[in-house]
PDB file of N, CA and C in Angstrom:
ATOM      1  N   MET A   1     109.750 228.510 153.356  1.00  0.00           N
ATOM      2  CA  MET A   1     109.342 227.217 153.875  1.00  0.00           C
ATOM      3  C   MET A   1     109.952 226.109 153.022  1.00  0.00           C
ATOM      4  N   ASN A   2     110.594 225.164 153.660  1.00  0.00           N
ATOM      5  CA  ASN A   2     111.235 224.064 152.961  1.00  0.00           C
ATOM      6  C   ASN A   2     110.246 222.913 152.858  1.00  0.00           C
ATOM      7  N   ASP A   3     109.817 222.602 151.635  1.00  0.00           N
ATOM      8  CA  ASP A   3     108.857 221.520 151.441  1.00  0.00           C
ATOM      9  C   ASP A   3     109.505 220.408 150.630  1.00  0.00           C
ATOM     10  N   GLU A   4     110.700 220.014 151.079  1.00  0.00           N
ATOM     11  CA  GLU A   4     111.420 218.922 150.439  1.00  0.00           C
ATOM     12  C   GLU A   4     111.588 217.803 151.452  1.00  0.00           C
ATOM     13  N   HIS A   5     111.333 216.584 151.014  1.00  0.00           N
ATOM     14  CA  HIS A   5     111.368 215.426 151.889  1.00  0.00           C
ATOM     15  C   HIS A   5     112.248 214.353 151.268  1.00  0.00           C
ATOM     16  N   THR A   6     112.764 213.461 152.115  1.00  0.00           N
ATOM     17  CA  THR A   6     113.615 212.374 151.650  1.00  0.00           C
ATOM     18  C   THR A   6     113.079 211.045 152.169  1.00  0.00           C
ATOM     19  N   LEU A   7     113.106 210.046 151.303  1.00  0.00           N
ATOM     20  CA  LEU A   7     112.707 208.696 151.674  1.00  0.00           C
ATOM     21  C   LEU A   7     113.838 207.752 151.308  1.00  0.00           C
ATOM     22  N   ASP A   8     114.386 207.075 152.303  1.00  0.00           N
ATOM     23  CA  ASP A   8     115.434 206.082 152.064  1.00  0.00           C
ATOM     24  C   ASP A   8     114.772 204.713 151.966  1.00  0.00           C
ATOM     25  N   ALA A   9     114.635 204.215 150.739  1.00  0.00           N
ATOM     26  CA  ALA A   9     114.018 202.908 150.501  1.00  0.00           C
ATOM     27  C   ALA A   9     115.062 201.873 150.112  1.00  0.00           C
ATOM     28  N   THR A  10     116.325 202.131 150.449  1.00  0.00           N
ATOM     29  CA  THR A  10     117.371 201.171 150.118  1.00  0.00           C
ATOM     30  C   THR A  10     117.159 199.899 150.934  1.00  0.00           C
ATOM     31  N   GLY A  11     117.429 198.773 150.304  1.00  0.00           N
ATOM     32  CA  GLY A  11     117.265 197.490 150.956  1.00  0.00           C
ATOM     33  C   GLY A  11     115.850 196.932 150.869  1.00  0.00           C
ATOM     34  N   LEU A  12     114.913 197.737 150.356  1.00  0.00           N
ATOM     35  CA  LEU A  12     113.527 197.285 150.229  1.00  0.00           C
ATOM     36  C   LEU A  12     113.280 196.773 148.821  1.00  0.00           C
ATOM     37  N   LEU A  13     112.520 195.700 148.723  1.00  0.00           N
ATOM     38  CA  LEU A  13     112.214 195.118 147.425  1.00  0.00           C
ATOM     39  C   LEU A  13     110.789 195.445 147.013  1.00  0.00           C
ATOM     40  N   CYS A  14     110.533 195.336 145.719  1.00  0.00           N
ATOM     41  CA  CYS A  14     109.232 195.590 145.132  1.00  0.00           C
ATOM     42  C   CYS A  14     108.157 194.830 145.904  1.00  0.00           C
ATOM     43  N   PRO A  15     107.080 195.457 146.247  1.00  0.00           N
ATOM     44  CA  PRO A  15     106.605 196.790 145.879  1.00  0.00           C
ATOM     45  C   PRO A  15     106.851 197.842 146.955  1.00  0.00           C
ATOM     46  N   LEU A  16     107.680 197.542 147.975  1.00  0.00           N
ATOM     47  CA  LEU A  16     107.822 198.441 149.120  1.00  0.00           C
ATOM     48  C   LEU A  16     108.309 199.853 148.800  1.00  0.00           C
ATOM     49  N   PRO A  17     109.292 200.059 147.899  1.00  0.00           N
ATOM     50  CA  PRO A  17     109.685 201.443 147.624  1.00  0.00           C
ATOM     51  C   PRO A  17     108.516 202.314 147.135  1.00  0.00           C
ATOM     52  N   VAL A  18     107.692 201.774 146.252  1.00  0.00           N
ATOM     53  CA  VAL A  18     106.548 202.531 145.738  1.00  0.00           C
ATOM     54  C   VAL A  18     105.496 202.721 146.831  1.00  0.00           C
ATOM     55  N   LEU A  19     105.226 201.694 147.609  1.00  0.00           N
ATOM     56  CA  LEU A  19     104.222 201.808 148.670  1.00  0.00           C
ATOM     57  C   LEU A  19     104.624 202.842 149.714  1.00  0.00           C
ATOM     58  N   LYS A  20     105.899 202.851 150.077  1.00  0.00           N
ATOM     59  CA  LYS A  20     106.371 203.840 151.049  1.00  0.00           C
ATOM     60  C   LYS A  20     106.355 205.244 150.456  1.00  0.00           C
ATOM     61  N   ALA A  21     106.696 205.381 149.172  1.00  0.00           N
ATOM     62  CA  ALA A  21     106.628 206.690 148.514  1.00  0.00           C
ATOM     63  C   ALA A  21     105.183 207.185 148.471  1.00  0.00           C
ATOM     64  N   ARG A  22     104.249 206.289 148.140  1.00  0.00           N
ATOM     65  CA  ARG A  22     102.836 206.663 148.094  1.00  0.00           C
ATOM     66  C   ARG A  22     102.369 207.173 149.456  1.00  0.00           C
ATOM     67  N   LYS A  23     102.712 206.457 150.508  1.00  0.00           N
ATOM     68  CA  LYS A  23     102.296 206.850 151.859  1.00  0.00           C
ATOM     69  C   LYS A  23     102.898 208.197 152.242  1.00  0.00           C
ATOM     70  N   ARG A  24     104.172 208.395 151.933  1.00  0.00           N
ATOM     71  CA  ARG A  24     104.832 209.665 152.264  1.00  0.00           C
ATOM     72  C   ARG A  24     104.204 210.815 151.486  1.00  0.00           C
ATOM     73  N   LEU A  25     103.943 210.608 150.195  1.00  0.00           N
ATOM     74  CA  LEU A  25     103.356 211.655 149.369  1.00  0.00           C
ATOM     75  C   LEU A  25     101.957 212.038 149.842  1.00  0.00           C
ATOM     76  N   GLN A  26     101.192 211.084 150.353  1.00  0.00           N
ATOM     77  CA  GLN A  26      99.845 211.375 150.841  1.00  0.00           C
ATOM     78  C   GLN A  26      99.866 212.396 151.970  1.00  0.00           C
ATOM     79  N   ALA A  27     100.922 212.375 152.767  1.00  0.00           N
ATOM     80  CA  ALA A  27     101.031 213.280 153.910  1.00  0.00           C
ATOM     81  C   ALA A  27     101.632 214.640 153.536  1.00  0.00           C
ATOM     82  N   MET A  28     102.037 214.802 152.278  1.00  0.00           N
ATOM     83  CA  MET A  28     102.696 216.035 151.846  1.00  0.00           C
ATOM     84  C   MET A  28     101.709 216.948 151.137  1.00  0.00           C
ATOM     85  N   SER A  29     102.042 218.223 151.098  1.00  0.00           N
ATOM     86  CA  SER A  29     101.189 219.187 150.405  1.00  0.00           C
ATOM     87  C   SER A  29     101.488 219.190 148.908  1.00  0.00           C
ATOM     88  N   SER A  30     100.526 219.647 148.127  1.00  0.00           N
ATOM     89  CA  SER A  30     100.680 219.721 146.678  1.00  0.00           C
ATOM     90  C   SER A  30     101.872 220.602 146.323  1.00  0.00           C
ATOM     91  N   GLY A  31     102.698 220.126 145.401  1.00  0.00           N
ATOM     92  CA  GLY A  31     103.877 220.878 144.977  1.00  0.00           C
ATOM     93  C   GLY A  31     105.131 220.517 145.745  1.00  0.00           C
ATOM     94  N   ALA A  32     104.974 219.793 146.854  1.00  0.00           N
ATOM     95  CA  ALA A  32     106.137 219.384 147.647  1.00  0.00           C
ATOM     96  C   ALA A  32     106.963 218.365 146.859  1.00  0.00           C
ATOM     97  N   VAL A  33     108.230 218.254 147.215  1.00  0.00           N
ATOM     98  CA  VAL A  33     109.164 217.391 146.497  1.00  0.00           C
ATOM     99  C   VAL A  33     109.656 216.281 147.424  1.00  0.00           C
ATOM    100  N   LEU A  34     109.636 215.062 146.900  1.00  0.00           N
ATOM    101  CA  LEU A  34     110.119 213.891 147.630  1.00  0.00           C
ATOM    102  C   LEU A  34     111.280 213.275 146.861  1.00  0.00           C
ATOM    103  N   SER A  35     112.434 213.158 147.519  1.00  0.00           N
ATOM    104  CA  SER A  35     113.585 212.460 146.944  1.00  0.00           C
ATOM    105  C   SER A  35     113.592 211.043 147.489  1.00  0.00           C
ATOM    106  N   VAL A  36     113.573 210.070 146.583  1.00  0.00           N
ATOM    107  CA  VAL A  36     113.521 208.668 146.972  1.00  0.00           C
ATOM    108  C   VAL A  36     114.826 207.989 146.573  1.00  0.00           C
ATOM    109  N   MET A  37     115.490 207.371 147.542  1.00  0.00           N
ATOM    110  CA  MET A  37     116.673 206.573 147.274  1.00  0.00           C
ATOM    111  C   MET A  37     116.245 205.114 147.289  1.00  0.00           C
ATOM    112  N   ALA A  38     116.571 204.373 146.235  1.00  0.00           N
ATOM    113  CA  ALA A  38     116.189 202.967 146.145  1.00  0.00           C
ATOM    114  C   ALA A  38     117.276 202.186 145.415  1.00  0.00           C
ATOM    115  N   ASP A  39     117.438 200.938 145.836  1.00  0.00           N
ATOM    116  CA  ASP A  39     118.408 200.081 145.147  1.00  0.00           C
ATOM    117  C   ASP A  39     117.753 198.822 144.574  1.00  0.00           C
ATOM    118  N   ASP A  40     116.431 198.757 144.625  1.00  0.00           N
ATOM    119  CA  ASP A  40     115.693 197.643 144.039  1.00  0.00           C
ATOM    120  C   ASP A  40     115.722 197.784 142.516  1.00  0.00           C
ATOM    121  N   PRO A  41     116.186 196.770 141.779  1.00  0.00           N
ATOM    122  CA  PRO A  41     116.221 196.875 140.319  1.00  0.00           C
ATOM    123  C   PRO A  41     114.853 197.176 139.701  1.00  0.00           C
ATOM    124  N   ALA A  42     113.777 196.736 140.323  1.00  0.00           N
ATOM    125  CA  ALA A  42     112.435 196.985 139.784  1.00  0.00           C
ATOM    126  C   ALA A  42     112.008 198.442 139.926  1.00  0.00           C
ATOM    127  N   ALA A  43     112.658 199.196 140.807  1.00  0.00           N
ATOM    128  CA  ALA A  43     112.296 200.598 141.010  1.00  0.00           C
ATOM    129  C   ALA A  43     112.474 201.415 139.729  1.00  0.00           C
ATOM    130  N   ILE A  44     113.400 200.999 138.877  1.00  0.00           N
ATOM    131  CA  ILE A  44     113.651 201.698 137.614  1.00  0.00           C
ATOM    132  C   ILE A  44     112.377 201.742 136.767  1.00  0.00           C
ATOM    133  N   ILE A  45     111.576 200.707 136.871  1.00  0.00           N
ATOM    134  CA  ILE A  45     110.303 200.637 136.142  1.00  0.00           C
ATOM    135  C   ILE A  45     109.149 201.115 137.023  1.00  0.00           C
ATOM    136  N   ASP A  46     109.150 200.672 138.278  1.00  0.00           N
ATOM    137  CA  ASP A  46     108.016 200.915 139.170  1.00  0.00           C
ATOM    138  C   ASP A  46     107.785 202.380 139.510  1.00  0.00           C
ATOM    139  N   ILE A  47     108.826 203.117 139.817  1.00  0.00           N
ATOM    140  CA  ILE A  47     108.635 204.503 140.253  1.00  0.00           C
ATOM    141  C   ILE A  47     108.146 205.395 139.114  1.00  0.00           C
ATOM    142  N   PRO A  48     108.749 205.342 137.911  1.00  0.00           N
ATOM    143  CA  PRO A  48     108.173 206.139 136.812  1.00  0.00           C
ATOM    144  C   PRO A  48     106.722 205.732 136.493  1.00  0.00           C
ATOM    145  N   HIS A  49     106.423 204.443 136.558  1.00  0.00           N
ATOM    146  CA  HIS A  49     105.058 203.978 136.302  1.00  0.00           C
ATOM    147  C   HIS A  49     104.099 204.518 137.375  1.00  0.00           C
ATOM    148  N   PHE A  50     104.522 204.483 138.634  1.00  0.00           N
ATOM    149  CA  PHE A  50     103.717 205.022 139.726  1.00  0.00           C
ATOM    150  C   PHE A  50     103.406 206.497 139.492  1.00  0.00           C
ATOM    151  N   CYS A  51     104.412 207.276 139.102  1.00  0.00           N
ATOM    152  CA  CYS A  51     104.201 208.701 138.851  1.00  0.00           C
ATOM    153  C   CYS A  51     103.235 208.912 137.688  1.00  0.00           C
ATOM    154  N   ASN A  52     103.400 208.142 136.638  1.00  0.00           N
ATOM    155  CA  ASN A  52     102.527 208.252 135.472  1.00  0.00           C
ATOM    156  C   ASN A  52     101.081 207.932 135.839  1.00  0.00           C
ATOM    157  N   GLU A  53     100.871 206.907 136.652  1.00  0.00           N
ATOM    158  CA  GLU A  53      99.530 206.478 137.030  1.00  0.00           C
ATOM    159  C   GLU A  53      98.849 207.444 138.001  1.00  0.00           C
ATOM    160  N   THR A  54      99.618 208.074 138.871  1.00  0.00           N
ATOM    161  CA  THR A  54      99.040 208.920 139.917  1.00  0.00           C
ATOM    162  C   THR A  54      99.024 210.400 139.566  1.00  0.00           C
ATOM    163  N   GLY A  55      99.773 210.787 138.534  1.00  0.00           N
ATOM    164  CA  GLY A  55      99.809 212.194 138.142  1.00  0.00           C
ATOM    165  C   GLY A  55     100.900 213.006 138.811  1.00  0.00           C
ATOM    166  N   HIS A  56     101.678 212.360 139.692  1.00  0.00           N
ATOM    167  CA  HIS A  56     102.816 213.062 140.282  1.00  0.00           C
ATOM    168  C   HIS A  56     103.886 213.237 139.202  1.00  0.00           C
ATOM    169  N   LYS A  57     104.682 214.292 139.345  1.00  0.00           N
ATOM    170  CA  LYS A  57     105.707 214.584 138.334  1.00  0.00           C
ATOM    171  C   LYS A  57     107.042 213.960 138.741  1.00  0.00           C
ATOM    172  N   LEU A  58     107.594 213.142 137.859  1.00  0.00           N
ATOM    173  CA  LEU A  58     108.945 212.622 138.069  1.00  0.00           C
ATOM    174  C   LEU A  58     109.902 213.686 137.568  1.00  0.00           C
ATOM    175  N   VAL A  59     110.426 214.475 138.491  1.00  0.00           N
ATOM    176  CA  VAL A  59     111.271 215.619 138.149  1.00  0.00           C
ATOM    177  C   VAL A  59     112.597 215.148 137.567  1.00  0.00           C
ATOM    178  N   SER A  60     113.187 214.130 138.199  1.00  0.00           N
ATOM    179  CA  SER A  60     114.453 213.596 137.704  1.00  0.00           C
ATOM    180  C   SER A  60     114.668 212.198 138.264  1.00  0.00           C
ATOM    181  N   GLN A  61     115.549 211.473 137.596  1.00  0.00           N
ATOM    182  CA  GLN A  61     115.969 210.167 138.089  1.00  0.00           C
ATOM    183  C   GLN A  61     117.432 209.973 137.744  1.00  0.00           C
ATOM    184  N   ASP A  62     118.190 209.523 138.720  1.00  0.00           N
ATOM    185  CA  ASP A  62     119.611 209.241 138.514  1.00  0.00           C
ATOM    186  C   ASP A  62     119.787 207.742 138.662  1.00  0.00           C
ATOM    187  N   LEU A  63     119.863 207.061 137.527  1.00  0.00           N
ATOM    188  CA  LEU A  63     119.972 205.606 137.524  1.00  0.00           C
ATOM    189  C   LEU A  63     121.416 205.136 137.573  1.00  0.00           C
ATOM    190  N   GLU A  64     122.345 206.067 137.433  1.00  0.00           N
ATOM    191  CA  GLU A  64     123.767 205.717 137.436  1.00  0.00           C
ATOM    192  C   GLU A  64     124.329 205.633 138.843  1.00  0.00           C
ATOM    193  N   SER A  65     123.669 206.280 139.803  1.00  0.00           N
ATOM    194  CA  SER A  65     124.172 206.265 141.172  1.00  0.00           C
ATOM    195  C   SER A  65     123.668 205.022 141.894  1.00  0.00           C
ATOM    196  N   THR A  66     124.346 204.672 142.970  1.00  0.00           N
ATOM    197  CA  THR A  66     123.906 203.570 143.823  1.00  0.00           C
ATOM    198  C   THR A  66     123.803 204.103 145.240  1.00  0.00           C
ATOM    199  N   PRO A  67     122.624 204.191 145.812  1.00  0.00           N
ATOM    200  CA  PRO A  67     121.339 203.799 145.235  1.00  0.00           C
ATOM    201  C   PRO A  67     120.878 204.790 144.173  1.00  0.00           C
ATOM    202  N   GLN A  68     119.872 204.375 143.399  1.00  0.00           N
ATOM    203  CA  GLN A  68     119.289 205.293 142.426  1.00  0.00           C
ATOM    204  C   GLN A  68     118.560 206.399 143.189  1.00  0.00           C
ATOM    205  N   LEU A  69     118.427 207.554 142.553  1.00  0.00           N
ATOM    206  CA  LEU A  69     117.736 208.681 143.174  1.00  0.00           C
ATOM    207  C   LEU A  69     116.622 209.139 142.250  1.00  0.00           C
ATOM    208  N   TYR A  70     115.423 209.216 142.810  1.00  0.00           N
ATOM    209  CA  TYR A  70     114.237 209.670 142.087  1.00  0.00           C
ATOM    210  C   TYR A  70     113.692 210.896 142.794  1.00  0.00           C
ATOM    211  N   VAL A  71     113.407 211.945 142.042  1.00  0.00           N
ATOM    212  CA  VAL A  71     112.840 213.160 142.624  1.00  0.00           C
ATOM    213  C   VAL A  71     111.423 213.294 142.074  1.00  0.00           C
ATOM    214  N   ILE A  72     110.452 213.299 142.999  1.00  0.00           N
ATOM    215  CA  ILE A  72     109.037 213.312 142.645  1.00  0.00           C
ATOM    216  C   ILE A  72     108.389 214.557 143.229  1.00  0.00           C
ATOM    217  N   GLN A  73     107.631 215.267 142.388  1.00  0.00           N
ATOM    218  CA  GLN A  73     106.864 216.423 142.863  1.00  0.00           C
ATOM    219  C   GLN A  73     105.407 216.012 142.957  1.00  0.00           C
ATOM    220  N   LYS A  74     104.816 216.226 144.141  1.00  0.00           N
ATOM    221  CA  LYS A  74     103.424 215.837 144.354  1.00  0.00           C
ATOM    222  C   LYS A  74     102.507 216.708 143.520  1.00  0.00           C
ATOM    223  N   LYS A  75     101.503 216.080 142.919  1.00  0.00           N
ATOM    224  CA  LYS A  75     100.529 216.823 142.089  1.00  0.00           C
ATOM    225  C   LYS A  75      99.671 217.715 142.944  1.00  0.00           C
TER     226      LYS A  75
END
């Protein structure tokens, strides 16, 4: 079973990338993985902070690519 999801949040400004990630994660099962693409400069701070606050695991982040890529595993 493939439990990997993608969210394209490019073009969205703070706080929309985090809000859309939160909504998507709510609909996913525990352990599922969400890849978030974002180009908002605030996402570099907002997404890791969101994961820290909610307990989701920030598996990886690629800040060198455009858009940035964040991989989040639902708690």
